């Protein structure tokens, strides 16, 4: 049995709309056991980058590699990668229990850590509040059997207590996964990440060697 990959790299991603360059000269590296942050201003192309890594967005050129082996469409590779988009993605008619089963997870295993979710396990996804739905989707992605996880704005619609729970789960799951975290709550991203990339307005990624000072120099934070 082939062991799961430990490194996922993406580079050479070139994407443009109507002559406007969205992504160019992009490089991102994920490693199992590490959390990688992705920051950038609104509209700079962070979501497009995550979708491109997944193979969900057609690009002019790109290279995604797992342990050095080229992957054409990452989302089609079993056990390789999971993606949390900004928009709801679970069918509203599924119950919470069925949704977790769909991802190969027993909701019963969450009873102690997430008693609230366990309590509405028989509810349909469409009947949950915005925060409950988002929390459910985050756990579906984080707890699933995948070597890498891409999280796009996971903290949106969550209350402070729920954010703390998610932060703890991200830390726990990063022991056996490589996680890419992008969110406008940059303080949480910085505190959690082992490495941080910045996507600038020109569609290029910069690996920050001193994230806080670099982001101040770039005018991203004060």
N, C-alpha and C. Protein backbone atom coordinates (compact mmCIF):
# COMPACT_ATOMS: atom_id res chain seq x y z
N UNK A 1 0.84 -1.20 0.00
CA UNK A 1 0.00 0.00 0.00
C UNK A 1 0.88 1.25 0.00
N UNK A 2 0.62 2.16 -0.93
CA UNK A 2 1.41 3.38 -1.05
C UNK A 2 1.10 4.33 0.10
N UNK A 3 2.12 4.81 0.81
CA UNK A 3 1.86 5.74 1.91
C UNK A 3 1.32 7.06 1.38
N UNK A 4 0.50 7.76 2.16
CA UNK A 4 -0.04 9.05 1.71
C UNK A 4 1.09 10.07 1.53
N UNK A 5 0.92 11.01 0.62
CA UNK A 5 1.97 12.02 0.40
C UNK A 5 2.11 12.94 1.60
N UNK A 6 3.28 13.54 1.73
CA UNK A 6 3.54 14.44 2.85
C UNK A 6 3.76 15.88 2.41
N UNK A 7 3.96 16.11 1.11
CA UNK A 7 4.20 17.46 0.60
C UNK A 7 3.34 17.70 -0.63
N UNK A 8 2.65 18.84 -0.67
CA UNK A 8 1.88 19.25 -1.84
C UNK A 8 2.40 20.62 -2.27
N UNK A 9 2.77 20.73 -3.55
CA UNK A 9 3.29 21.99 -4.08
C UNK A 9 2.45 22.42 -5.28
N UNK A 10 2.28 23.71 -5.41
CA UNK A 10 1.58 24.27 -6.57
C UNK A 10 2.38 25.46 -7.07
N UNK A 11 2.66 25.47 -8.37
CA UNK A 11 3.35 26.63 -8.94
C UNK A 11 3.00 26.74 -10.42
N UNK A 12 3.51 27.77 -11.04
CA UNK A 12 3.25 27.99 -12.46
C UNK A 12 1.79 28.26 -12.78
N UNK A 13 1.00 28.64 -11.77
CA UNK A 13 -0.43 28.89 -12.00
C UNK A 13 -0.60 30.27 -12.65
N UNK A 14 -1.21 30.26 -13.80
CA UNK A 14 -1.44 31.50 -14.55
C UNK A 14 -2.92 31.59 -14.86
N UNK A 15 -3.56 32.64 -14.37
CA UNK A 15 -5.00 32.79 -14.56
C UNK A 15 -5.30 34.24 -14.88
N UNK A 16 -6.11 34.47 -15.92
CA UNK A 16 -6.52 35.84 -16.23
C UNK A 16 -7.96 35.86 -16.73
N UNK A 17 -8.64 36.98 -16.43
CA UNK A 17 -10.01 37.20 -16.88
C UNK A 17 -10.06 38.52 -17.63
N UNK A 18 -10.54 38.46 -18.86
CA UNK A 18 -10.68 39.68 -19.65
C UNK A 18 -9.41 40.47 -19.77
N UNK A 19 -8.29 39.79 -19.88
CA UNK A 19 -7.00 40.46 -20.02
C UNK A 19 -6.37 40.86 -18.70
N UNK A 20 -7.11 40.73 -17.59
CA UNK A 20 -6.55 41.07 -16.27
C UNK A 20 -5.92 39.84 -15.65
N UNK A 21 -4.66 39.96 -15.27
CA UNK A 21 -3.95 38.85 -14.66
C UNK A 21 -4.39 38.69 -13.20
N UNK A 22 -4.97 37.54 -12.89
CA UNK A 22 -5.41 37.26 -11.52
C UNK A 22 -4.31 36.54 -10.74
N UNK A 23 -3.71 35.54 -11.37
CA UNK A 23 -2.63 34.77 -10.75
C UNK A 23 -1.48 34.63 -11.74
N UNK A 24 -0.26 34.82 -11.22
CA UNK A 24 0.94 34.59 -12.02
C UNK A 24 2.11 34.38 -11.06
N UNK A 25 3.07 33.60 -11.48
CA UNK A 25 4.26 33.36 -10.65
C UNK A 25 3.88 32.95 -9.23
N UNK A 26 2.93 32.02 -9.14
CA UNK A 26 2.44 31.57 -7.83
C UNK A 26 3.22 30.33 -7.38
N UNK A 27 3.59 30.31 -6.12
CA UNK A 27 4.16 29.09 -5.53
C UNK A 27 3.61 28.95 -4.12
N UNK A 28 3.07 27.77 -3.82
CA UNK A 28 2.57 27.46 -2.47
C UNK A 28 3.03 26.05 -2.12
N UNK A 29 3.46 25.86 -0.88
CA UNK A 29 3.91 24.54 -0.43
C UNK A 29 3.20 24.17 0.87
N UNK A 30 2.58 22.99 0.87
CA UNK A 30 1.93 22.47 2.07
C UNK A 30 2.68 21.22 2.52
N UNK A 31 2.74 21.03 3.82
CA UNK A 31 3.43 19.86 4.36
C UNK A 31 2.63 19.28 5.52
N UNK A 32 2.47 17.97 5.51
CA UNK A 32 1.77 17.30 6.61
C UNK A 32 2.47 17.64 7.92
N UNK A 33 1.68 18.00 8.92
CA UNK A 33 2.24 18.39 10.21
C UNK A 33 2.43 19.89 10.35
N UNK A 34 2.09 20.65 9.30
CA UNK A 34 2.28 22.11 9.33
C UNK A 34 1.02 22.83 8.84
N UNK A 35 0.82 24.03 9.36
CA UNK A 35 -0.27 24.90 8.92
C UNK A 35 0.34 26.05 8.13
N UNK A 36 -0.18 26.26 6.93
CA UNK A 36 0.32 27.32 6.06
C UNK A 36 -0.75 28.38 5.90
N UNK A 37 -0.41 29.63 6.19
CA UNK A 37 -1.36 30.73 6.06
C UNK A 37 -1.28 31.36 4.67
N UNK A 38 -2.40 31.84 4.18
CA UNK A 38 -2.46 32.58 2.92
C UNK A 38 -3.24 33.86 3.17
N UNK A 39 -2.56 35.00 3.03
CA UNK A 39 -3.19 36.29 3.26
C UNK A 39 -3.11 37.15 2.00
N UNK A 40 -3.98 38.13 1.92
CA UNK A 40 -4.00 39.05 0.78
C UNK A 40 -5.26 39.89 0.86
N UNK A 41 -5.25 40.99 0.16
CA UNK A 41 -6.40 41.90 0.19
C UNK A 41 -7.60 41.26 -0.51
N UNK A 42 -8.80 41.76 -0.18
CA UNK A 42 -10.01 41.27 -0.83
C UNK A 42 -9.92 41.41 -2.34
N UNK A 43 -10.31 40.37 -3.05
CA UNK A 43 -10.32 40.43 -4.50
C UNK A 43 -8.99 40.16 -5.18
N UNK A 44 -7.97 39.78 -4.39
CA UNK A 44 -6.64 39.58 -5.00
C UNK A 44 -6.50 38.21 -5.65
N UNK A 45 -7.46 37.29 -5.40
CA UNK A 45 -7.39 35.99 -6.06
C UNK A 45 -7.12 34.80 -5.16
N UNK A 46 -7.30 34.97 -3.85
CA UNK A 46 -7.02 33.86 -2.92
C UNK A 46 -7.94 32.66 -3.19
N UNK A 47 -9.23 32.93 -3.36
CA UNK A 47 -10.17 31.84 -3.63
C UNK A 47 -9.86 31.17 -4.97
N UNK A 48 -9.52 31.99 -5.96
CA UNK A 48 -9.16 31.43 -7.27
C UNK A 48 -7.95 30.53 -7.16
N UNK A 49 -6.99 30.91 -6.31
CA UNK A 49 -5.79 30.09 -6.11
C UNK A 49 -6.15 28.74 -5.50
N UNK A 50 -7.00 28.75 -4.48
CA UNK A 50 -7.40 27.49 -3.84
C UNK A 50 -8.15 26.59 -4.82
N UNK A 51 -9.05 27.18 -5.59
CA UNK A 51 -9.80 26.39 -6.59
C UNK A 51 -8.86 25.84 -7.66
N UNK A 52 -7.84 26.61 -8.02
CA UNK A 52 -6.88 26.14 -9.02
C UNK A 52 -6.07 24.96 -8.49
N UNK A 53 -5.67 25.02 -7.23
CA UNK A 53 -4.94 23.91 -6.63
C UNK A 53 -5.80 22.65 -6.63
N UNK A 54 -7.08 22.83 -6.35
CA UNK A 54 -8.00 21.69 -6.34
C UNK A 54 -8.24 21.11 -7.73
N UNK A 55 -8.01 21.93 -8.77
CA UNK A 55 -8.34 21.50 -10.12
C UNK A 55 -9.75 21.84 -10.51
N UNK A 56 -10.38 22.76 -9.76
CA UNK A 56 -11.77 23.14 -10.01
C UNK A 56 -11.90 24.35 -10.92
N UNK A 57 -10.78 25.04 -11.17
CA UNK A 57 -10.82 26.23 -12.01
C UNK A 57 -9.82 26.09 -13.15
N UNK A 58 -10.31 26.15 -14.39
CA UNK A 58 -9.39 26.04 -15.53
C UNK A 58 -8.39 27.21 -15.54
N UNK A 59 -7.12 26.90 -15.74
CA UNK A 59 -6.08 27.92 -15.80
C UNK A 59 -5.27 27.73 -17.07
N UNK A 60 -4.58 28.81 -17.47
CA UNK A 60 -3.75 28.71 -18.68
C UNK A 60 -2.63 27.69 -18.47
N UNK A 61 -1.95 27.79 -17.35
CA UNK A 61 -0.89 26.84 -16.99
C UNK A 61 -0.91 26.61 -15.49
N UNK A 62 -0.44 25.45 -15.07
CA UNK A 62 -0.27 25.20 -13.65
C UNK A 62 0.41 23.85 -13.44
N UNK A 63 1.02 23.71 -12.26
CA UNK A 63 1.62 22.44 -11.88
C UNK A 63 1.32 22.19 -10.41
N UNK A 64 0.61 21.12 -10.12
CA UNK A 64 0.34 20.69 -8.74
C UNK A 64 1.01 19.33 -8.57
N UNK A 65 1.82 19.20 -7.52
CA UNK A 65 2.58 17.96 -7.33
C UNK A 65 2.42 17.45 -5.90
N UNK A 66 2.23 16.16 -5.77
CA UNK A 66 2.19 15.49 -4.46
C UNK A 66 3.45 14.65 -4.34
N UNK A 67 4.31 15.01 -3.39
CA UNK A 67 5.63 14.36 -3.25
C UNK A 67 6.36 14.31 -4.59
N UNK A 68 6.26 15.40 -5.34
CA UNK A 68 6.99 15.51 -6.60
C UNK A 68 6.29 14.92 -7.80
N UNK A 69 5.15 14.23 -7.59
CA UNK A 69 4.43 13.61 -8.70
C UNK A 69 3.30 14.52 -9.16
N UNK A 70 3.25 14.78 -10.46
CA UNK A 70 2.26 15.68 -11.03
C UNK A 70 0.84 15.15 -10.81
N UNK A 71 -0.05 16.05 -10.38
CA UNK A 71 -1.46 15.72 -10.18
C UNK A 71 -2.29 16.61 -11.08
N UNK A 72 -3.09 16.01 -11.97
CA UNK A 72 -3.84 16.82 -12.93
C UNK A 72 -5.05 17.48 -12.27
N UNK A 73 -5.89 16.69 -11.61
CA UNK A 73 -7.05 17.23 -10.91
C UNK A 73 -7.05 16.67 -9.49
N UNK A 74 -6.57 17.49 -8.56
CA UNK A 74 -6.36 17.02 -7.20
C UNK A 74 -7.64 16.49 -6.56
N UNK A 75 -8.77 17.14 -6.86
CA UNK A 75 -10.03 16.74 -6.21
C UNK A 75 -10.47 15.34 -6.59
N UNK A 76 -9.92 14.80 -7.67
CA UNK A 76 -10.30 13.46 -8.12
C UNK A 76 -9.43 12.36 -7.50
N UNK A 77 -8.41 12.74 -6.75
CA UNK A 77 -7.49 11.76 -6.16
C UNK A 77 -7.97 11.36 -4.77
N UNK A 78 -8.38 10.11 -4.56
CA UNK A 78 -8.89 9.68 -3.25
C UNK A 78 -7.87 9.90 -2.13
N UNK A 79 -8.35 10.50 -1.07
CA UNK A 79 -7.51 10.67 0.12
C UNK A 79 -6.45 11.75 0.00
N UNK A 80 -6.46 12.53 -1.09
CA UNK A 80 -5.40 13.53 -1.25
C UNK A 80 -5.77 14.86 -0.61
N UNK A 81 -6.94 15.42 -0.95
CA UNK A 81 -7.20 16.80 -0.56
C UNK A 81 -8.70 17.05 -0.37
N UNK A 82 -9.01 17.93 0.58
CA UNK A 82 -10.37 18.41 0.80
C UNK A 82 -10.35 19.94 0.79
N UNK A 83 -11.49 20.51 0.39
CA UNK A 83 -11.57 21.96 0.21
C UNK A 83 -12.83 22.51 0.85
N UNK A 84 -12.68 23.54 1.67
CA UNK A 84 -13.80 24.26 2.25
C UNK A 84 -13.98 25.56 1.47
N UNK A 85 -15.01 25.65 0.62
CA UNK A 85 -15.25 26.90 -0.10
C UNK A 85 -15.94 27.92 0.79
N UNK A 86 -16.06 29.14 0.30
CA UNK A 86 -16.75 30.17 1.08
C UNK A 86 -18.26 29.95 1.11
N UNK A 87 -18.80 29.31 0.09
CA UNK A 87 -20.25 29.13 -0.01
C UNK A 87 -20.66 27.77 0.54
N UNK A 88 -21.91 27.62 0.99
CA UNK A 88 -22.38 26.31 1.47
C UNK A 88 -22.29 25.27 0.36
N UNK A 89 -21.91 24.05 0.73
CA UNK A 89 -21.72 23.03 -0.30
C UNK A 89 -22.42 21.70 0.02
N UNK A 90 -22.99 21.57 1.20
CA UNK A 90 -23.67 20.33 1.56
C UNK A 90 -25.15 20.42 1.16
N UNK A 91 -25.70 19.42 0.48
CA UNK A 91 -27.12 19.46 0.11
C UNK A 91 -28.00 19.70 1.33
N UNK A 92 -28.92 20.67 1.27
CA UNK A 92 -29.72 21.04 2.45
C UNK A 92 -30.65 19.95 2.95
N UNK A 93 -30.99 18.98 2.11
CA UNK A 93 -31.91 17.92 2.53
C UNK A 93 -31.22 16.79 3.28
N UNK A 94 -29.89 16.80 3.30
CA UNK A 94 -29.17 15.77 4.05
C UNK A 94 -29.25 16.07 5.54
N UNK A 95 -29.38 15.04 6.37
CA UNK A 95 -29.26 15.25 7.81
C UNK A 95 -27.79 15.40 8.16
N UNK A 96 -27.53 15.95 9.32
CA UNK A 96 -26.15 16.11 9.78
C UNK A 96 -25.46 14.74 9.85
N UNK A 97 -26.15 13.76 10.39
CA UNK A 97 -25.57 12.41 10.48
C UNK A 97 -25.23 11.87 9.09
N UNK A 98 -26.14 12.06 8.14
CA UNK A 98 -25.91 11.55 6.78
C UNK A 98 -24.75 12.28 6.11
N UNK A 99 -24.63 13.59 6.38
CA UNK A 99 -23.54 14.36 5.79
C UNK A 99 -22.19 13.84 6.27
N UNK A 100 -22.09 13.57 7.56
CA UNK A 100 -20.82 13.05 8.09
C UNK A 100 -20.56 11.65 7.54
N UNK A 101 -21.59 10.84 7.43
CA UNK A 101 -21.42 9.50 6.87
C UNK A 101 -20.95 9.59 5.41
N UNK A 102 -21.46 10.58 4.69
CA UNK A 102 -21.07 10.83 3.30
C UNK A 102 -19.56 11.07 3.20
N UNK A 103 -19.00 11.69 4.23
CA UNK A 103 -17.56 11.96 4.27
C UNK A 103 -16.78 10.86 5.01
N UNK A 104 -17.47 9.77 5.34
CA UNK A 104 -16.79 8.66 6.01
C UNK A 104 -16.49 8.92 7.47
N UNK A 105 -17.31 9.76 8.11
CA UNK A 105 -17.09 10.13 9.51
C UNK A 105 -18.32 9.76 10.32
N UNK A 106 -18.11 9.22 11.51
CA UNK A 106 -19.22 8.95 12.42
C UNK A 106 -19.45 10.17 13.30
N UNK A 107 -20.64 10.73 13.25
CA UNK A 107 -20.94 11.91 14.05
C UNK A 107 -20.87 11.60 15.54
N UNK A 108 -21.03 10.32 15.88
CA UNK A 108 -20.95 9.93 17.29
C UNK A 108 -19.59 10.25 17.90
N UNK A 109 -18.54 10.26 17.05
CA UNK A 109 -17.19 10.55 17.54
C UNK A 109 -17.03 12.01 17.96
N UNK A 110 -17.99 12.86 17.58
CA UNK A 110 -17.91 14.27 17.92
C UNK A 110 -18.72 14.63 19.16
N UNK A 111 -19.35 13.64 19.76
CA UNK A 111 -20.27 13.89 20.87
C UNK A 111 -19.61 14.64 22.03
N UNK A 112 -18.39 14.28 22.38
CA UNK A 112 -17.72 14.93 23.51
C UNK A 112 -17.14 16.29 23.14
N UNK A 113 -16.51 16.36 21.97
CA UNK A 113 -15.83 17.59 21.57
C UNK A 113 -16.80 18.66 21.06
N UNK A 114 -17.85 18.20 20.35
CA UNK A 114 -18.84 19.12 19.79
C UNK A 114 -20.24 18.64 20.14
N UNK A 115 -20.63 18.76 21.41
CA UNK A 115 -21.95 18.27 21.84
C UNK A 115 -23.11 18.96 21.14
N UNK A 116 -22.94 20.23 20.75
CA UNK A 116 -24.02 20.95 20.08
C UNK A 116 -24.32 20.31 18.72
N UNK A 117 -23.29 20.03 17.96
CA UNK A 117 -23.48 19.39 16.66
C UNK A 117 -24.09 18.00 16.84
N UNK A 118 -23.62 17.29 17.84
CA UNK A 118 -24.17 15.95 18.09
C UNK A 118 -25.65 16.04 18.43
N UNK A 119 -26.03 17.09 19.13
CA UNK A 119 -27.43 17.22 19.57
C UNK A 119 -28.38 17.43 18.39
N UNK A 120 -27.91 18.03 17.29
CA UNK A 120 -28.79 18.19 16.13
C UNK A 120 -28.38 17.28 14.96
N UNK A 121 -27.86 16.12 15.32
CA UNK A 121 -27.39 15.17 14.29
C UNK A 121 -28.52 14.67 13.38
N UNK A 122 -29.76 14.71 13.87
CA UNK A 122 -30.88 14.24 13.04
C UNK A 122 -31.54 15.37 12.25
N UNK A 123 -31.07 16.60 12.46
CA UNK A 123 -31.62 17.75 11.74
C UNK A 123 -31.09 17.77 10.30
N UNK A 124 -31.90 18.33 9.39
CA UNK A 124 -31.43 18.53 8.03
C UNK A 124 -30.52 19.76 7.98
N UNK A 125 -29.50 19.69 7.13
CA UNK A 125 -28.54 20.78 7.02
C UNK A 125 -29.23 22.11 6.74
N UNK A 126 -30.25 22.08 5.90
CA UNK A 126 -30.94 23.30 5.53
C UNK A 126 -31.67 23.99 6.67
N UNK A 127 -31.89 23.30 7.77
CA UNK A 127 -32.61 23.88 8.91
C UNK A 127 -31.67 24.46 9.96
N UNK A 128 -30.37 24.32 9.75
CA UNK A 128 -29.40 24.84 10.71
C UNK A 128 -29.22 26.35 10.54
N UNK A 129 -28.76 27.01 11.58
CA UNK A 129 -28.41 28.43 11.48
C UNK A 129 -27.14 28.55 10.63
N UNK A 130 -26.83 29.77 10.21
CA UNK A 130 -25.63 29.99 9.40
C UNK A 130 -24.36 29.52 10.09
N UNK A 131 -24.24 29.82 11.41
CA UNK A 131 -23.06 29.40 12.16
C UNK A 131 -22.98 27.90 12.34
N UNK A 132 -24.12 27.27 12.62
CA UNK A 132 -24.15 25.81 12.78
C UNK A 132 -23.79 25.10 11.48
N UNK A 133 -24.31 25.65 10.38
CA UNK A 133 -24.04 25.05 9.07
C UNK A 133 -22.54 25.17 8.74
N UNK A 134 -21.98 26.36 9.00
CA UNK A 134 -20.55 26.57 8.70
C UNK A 134 -19.68 25.66 9.56
N UNK A 135 -20.01 25.55 10.82
CA UNK A 135 -19.24 24.70 11.72
C UNK A 135 -19.31 23.24 11.27
N UNK A 136 -20.48 22.80 10.86
CA UNK A 136 -20.64 21.43 10.36
C UNK A 136 -19.77 21.20 9.14
N UNK A 137 -19.77 22.15 8.20
CA UNK A 137 -18.98 22.00 6.98
C UNK A 137 -17.49 21.99 7.28
N UNK A 138 -17.05 22.83 8.21
CA UNK A 138 -15.64 22.87 8.59
C UNK A 138 -15.21 21.51 9.14
N UNK A 139 -16.03 20.93 10.00
CA UNK A 139 -15.68 19.64 10.60
C UNK A 139 -15.70 18.52 9.57
N UNK A 140 -16.63 18.58 8.63
CA UNK A 140 -16.66 17.59 7.56
C UNK A 140 -15.33 17.56 6.82
N UNK A 141 -14.80 18.75 6.53
CA UNK A 141 -13.55 18.85 5.78
C UNK A 141 -12.35 18.48 6.65
N UNK A 142 -12.30 19.04 7.85
CA UNK A 142 -11.14 18.82 8.71
C UNK A 142 -11.02 17.39 9.22
N UNK A 143 -12.15 16.76 9.49
CA UNK A 143 -12.13 15.42 10.08
C UNK A 143 -12.07 14.30 9.03
N UNK A 144 -12.21 14.66 7.76
CA UNK A 144 -12.24 13.64 6.71
C UNK A 144 -10.85 13.07 6.48
N UNK A 145 -10.80 11.94 5.82
CA UNK A 145 -9.55 11.23 5.57
C UNK A 145 -8.88 11.82 4.33
N UNK A 146 -8.06 12.84 4.54
CA UNK A 146 -7.33 13.48 3.45
C UNK A 146 -5.98 13.95 3.97
N UNK A 147 -4.99 13.92 3.11
CA UNK A 147 -3.64 14.33 3.52
C UNK A 147 -3.53 15.85 3.63
N UNK A 148 -4.33 16.57 2.80
CA UNK A 148 -4.24 18.04 2.77
C UNK A 148 -5.64 18.65 2.81
N UNK A 149 -5.72 19.84 3.40
CA UNK A 149 -7.00 20.54 3.55
C UNK A 149 -6.79 22.01 3.20
N UNK A 150 -7.70 22.54 2.39
CA UNK A 150 -7.70 23.96 2.04
C UNK A 150 -8.92 24.61 2.66
N UNK A 151 -8.70 25.62 3.49
CA UNK A 151 -9.80 26.29 4.19
C UNK A 151 -9.91 27.74 3.72
N UNK A 152 -11.03 28.07 3.07
CA UNK A 152 -11.26 29.41 2.53
C UNK A 152 -12.27 30.14 3.41
N UNK A 153 -11.80 31.12 4.16
CA UNK A 153 -12.62 31.91 5.08
C UNK A 153 -13.44 31.03 6.04
N UNK A 154 -12.79 30.14 6.78
CA UNK A 154 -13.55 29.25 7.65
C UNK A 154 -14.26 29.94 8.81
N UNK A 155 -13.77 31.12 9.23
CA UNK A 155 -14.32 31.75 10.43
C UNK A 155 -15.54 32.62 10.15
N UNK A 156 -15.91 32.78 8.89
CA UNK A 156 -17.09 33.61 8.57
C UNK A 156 -18.35 32.94 9.11
N UNK A 157 -19.25 33.74 9.65
CA UNK A 157 -20.54 33.31 10.23
C UNK A 157 -20.39 32.61 11.58
N UNK A 158 -19.18 32.51 12.11
CA UNK A 158 -18.99 31.83 13.39
C UNK A 158 -18.96 32.82 14.55
N UNK A 159 -19.45 32.39 15.70
CA UNK A 159 -19.35 33.18 16.92
C UNK A 159 -17.96 32.96 17.53
N UNK A 160 -17.53 33.88 18.40
CA UNK A 160 -16.19 33.76 18.99
C UNK A 160 -15.90 32.39 19.62
N UNK A 161 -16.87 31.82 20.33
CA UNK A 161 -16.64 30.52 20.95
C UNK A 161 -16.45 29.43 19.90
N UNK A 162 -17.23 29.52 18.81
CA UNK A 162 -17.09 28.55 17.73
C UNK A 162 -15.73 28.70 17.04
N UNK A 163 -15.26 29.94 16.89
CA UNK A 163 -13.95 30.16 16.30
C UNK A 163 -12.86 29.51 17.14
N UNK A 164 -12.96 29.65 18.46
CA UNK A 164 -11.97 29.02 19.34
C UNK A 164 -11.99 27.50 19.19
N UNK A 165 -13.19 26.92 19.06
CA UNK A 165 -13.29 25.48 18.85
C UNK A 165 -12.63 25.06 17.54
N UNK A 166 -12.87 25.83 16.49
CA UNK A 166 -12.30 25.51 15.18
C UNK A 166 -10.78 25.65 15.21
N UNK A 167 -10.28 26.69 15.85
CA UNK A 167 -8.83 26.85 15.98
C UNK A 167 -8.20 25.64 16.65
N UNK A 168 -8.83 25.15 17.69
CA UNK A 168 -8.32 23.98 18.40
C UNK A 168 -8.35 22.74 17.49
N UNK A 169 -9.42 22.59 16.72
CA UNK A 169 -9.53 21.44 15.82
C UNK A 169 -8.49 21.51 14.71
N UNK A 170 -8.24 22.71 14.18
CA UNK A 170 -7.22 22.88 13.15
C UNK A 170 -5.86 22.45 13.70
N UNK A 171 -5.55 22.89 14.91
CA UNK A 171 -4.27 22.49 15.53
C UNK A 171 -4.18 20.97 15.66
N UNK A 172 -5.27 20.36 16.14
CA UNK A 172 -5.27 18.91 16.33
C UNK A 172 -5.08 18.18 15.01
N UNK A 173 -5.84 18.57 14.00
CA UNK A 173 -5.81 17.87 12.72
C UNK A 173 -4.51 18.11 11.96
N UNK A 174 -3.81 19.20 12.26
CA UNK A 174 -2.56 19.48 11.55
C UNK A 174 -1.47 18.47 11.92
N UNK A 175 -1.68 17.69 12.98
CA UNK A 175 -0.69 16.67 13.33
C UNK A 175 -0.58 15.61 12.24
N UNK A 176 -1.69 15.37 11.53
CA UNK A 176 -1.66 14.35 10.48
C UNK A 176 -2.08 14.87 9.11
N UNK A 177 -2.20 16.20 8.98
CA UNK A 177 -2.59 16.79 7.71
C UNK A 177 -1.73 18.02 7.42
N UNK A 178 -1.65 18.38 6.15
CA UNK A 178 -1.10 19.66 5.75
C UNK A 178 -2.27 20.60 5.49
N UNK A 179 -2.33 21.73 6.19
CA UNK A 179 -3.50 22.61 6.13
C UNK A 179 -3.12 23.98 5.59
N UNK A 180 -3.91 24.45 4.61
CA UNK A 180 -3.77 25.81 4.10
C UNK A 180 -4.96 26.61 4.62
N UNK A 181 -4.67 27.72 5.30
CA UNK A 181 -5.69 28.52 5.96
C UNK A 181 -5.69 29.93 5.41
N UNK A 182 -6.83 30.35 4.85
CA UNK A 182 -6.98 31.72 4.36
C UNK A 182 -8.21 32.34 4.99
N UNK A 183 -8.04 33.48 5.64
CA UNK A 183 -9.17 34.14 6.29
C UNK A 183 -8.84 35.61 6.50
N UNK A 184 -9.88 36.47 6.55
CA UNK A 184 -9.65 37.89 6.78
C UNK A 184 -9.29 38.18 8.24
N UNK A 185 -9.51 37.22 9.14
CA UNK A 185 -9.06 37.36 10.53
C UNK A 185 -7.57 37.03 10.58
N UNK A 186 -6.76 37.99 10.14
CA UNK A 186 -5.33 37.72 9.94
C UNK A 186 -4.61 37.38 11.24
N UNK A 187 -5.08 37.91 12.37
CA UNK A 187 -4.42 37.61 13.64
C UNK A 187 -4.48 36.13 13.95
N UNK A 188 -5.65 35.51 13.75
CA UNK A 188 -5.78 34.07 13.98
C UNK A 188 -4.92 33.28 13.00
N UNK A 189 -4.86 33.73 11.75
CA UNK A 189 -4.04 33.05 10.75
C UNK A 189 -2.57 33.12 11.14
N UNK A 190 -2.11 34.29 11.55
CA UNK A 190 -0.71 34.46 11.93
C UNK A 190 -0.35 33.63 13.16
N UNK A 191 -1.23 33.63 14.15
CA UNK A 191 -0.96 32.89 15.38
C UNK A 191 -0.91 31.39 15.15
N UNK A 192 -1.65 30.91 14.17
CA UNK A 192 -1.80 29.48 13.95
C UNK A 192 -0.75 28.92 12.98
N UNK A 193 -0.26 29.76 12.07
CA UNK A 193 0.51 29.25 10.93
C UNK A 193 1.99 29.06 11.22
N UNK A 194 2.54 28.00 10.63
CA UNK A 194 3.98 27.74 10.68
C UNK A 194 4.71 28.50 9.57
N UNK A 195 4.00 28.80 8.49
CA UNK A 195 4.54 29.58 7.37
C UNK A 195 3.39 30.39 6.79
N UNK A 196 3.69 31.58 6.25
CA UNK A 196 2.65 32.45 5.71
C UNK A 196 3.06 32.95 4.33
N UNK A 197 2.16 32.78 3.36
CA UNK A 197 2.32 33.36 2.03
C UNK A 197 1.40 34.56 1.90
N UNK A 198 1.89 35.58 1.19
CA UNK A 198 1.07 36.75 0.89
C UNK A 198 0.85 36.81 -0.61
N UNK A 199 -0.42 36.92 -1.02
CA UNK A 199 -0.76 37.05 -2.44
C UNK A 199 -0.99 38.52 -2.74
N UNK A 200 -0.11 39.10 -3.57
CA UNK A 200 -0.22 40.54 -3.82
C UNK A 200 -1.19 40.84 -4.95
N UNK A 201 -1.40 42.12 -5.21
CA UNK A 201 -2.38 42.55 -6.21
C UNK A 201 -1.99 42.13 -7.62
N UNK A 202 -0.72 41.83 -7.82
CA UNK A 202 -0.26 41.37 -9.13
C UNK A 202 -0.40 39.89 -9.34
N UNK A 203 -0.97 39.19 -8.35
CA UNK A 203 -1.19 37.75 -8.48
C UNK A 203 0.04 36.91 -8.19
N UNK A 204 0.98 37.46 -7.44
CA UNK A 204 2.20 36.72 -7.11
C UNK A 204 2.21 36.41 -5.61
N UNK A 205 2.72 35.23 -5.27
CA UNK A 205 2.82 34.87 -3.85
C UNK A 205 4.22 35.21 -3.33
N UNK A 206 4.25 35.65 -2.09
CA UNK A 206 5.50 35.97 -1.41
C UNK A 206 5.53 35.19 -0.11
N UNK A 207 6.56 34.38 0.10
CA UNK A 207 6.73 33.69 1.37
C UNK A 207 7.33 34.68 2.37
N UNK A 208 6.62 34.97 3.44
CA UNK A 208 7.04 35.98 4.40
C UNK A 208 8.04 35.39 5.40
N UNK A 209 9.21 36.01 5.52
CA UNK A 209 10.19 35.50 6.48
C UNK A 209 9.97 36.06 7.87
N UNK A 210 9.40 37.27 7.95
CA UNK A 210 9.01 37.88 9.23
C UNK A 210 7.58 38.40 9.05
N UNK A 211 6.59 37.49 9.15
CA UNK A 211 5.22 37.82 8.73
C UNK A 211 4.66 39.14 9.26
N UNK A 212 4.76 39.39 10.54
CA UNK A 212 4.15 40.61 11.09
C UNK A 212 4.79 41.86 10.50
N UNK A 213 6.13 41.90 10.49
CA UNK A 213 6.82 43.07 9.96
C UNK A 213 6.62 43.19 8.46
N UNK A 214 6.68 42.06 7.76
CA UNK A 214 6.46 42.07 6.30
C UNK A 214 5.09 42.63 5.96
N UNK A 215 4.05 42.20 6.69
CA UNK A 215 2.69 42.65 6.41
C UNK A 215 2.51 44.14 6.71
N UNK A 216 3.22 44.64 7.72
CA UNK A 216 3.19 46.07 8.00
C UNK A 216 3.88 46.84 6.87
N UNK A 217 5.00 46.31 6.40
CA UNK A 217 5.74 46.97 5.30
C UNK A 217 4.89 47.00 4.02
N UNK A 218 4.07 45.95 3.85
CA UNK A 218 3.22 45.87 2.66
C UNK A 218 1.94 46.70 2.80
N UNK A 219 1.72 47.28 3.98
CA UNK A 219 0.53 48.07 4.23
C UNK A 219 -0.72 47.24 4.47
N UNK A 220 -0.53 45.93 4.74
CA UNK A 220 -1.67 45.05 4.95
C UNK A 220 -2.20 45.18 6.37
N UNK A 221 -1.32 45.43 7.32
CA UNK A 221 -1.72 45.62 8.72
C UNK A 221 -0.88 46.71 9.33
N UNK A 222 -1.41 47.27 10.44
CA UNK A 222 -0.73 48.39 11.09
C UNK A 222 -0.01 47.93 12.35
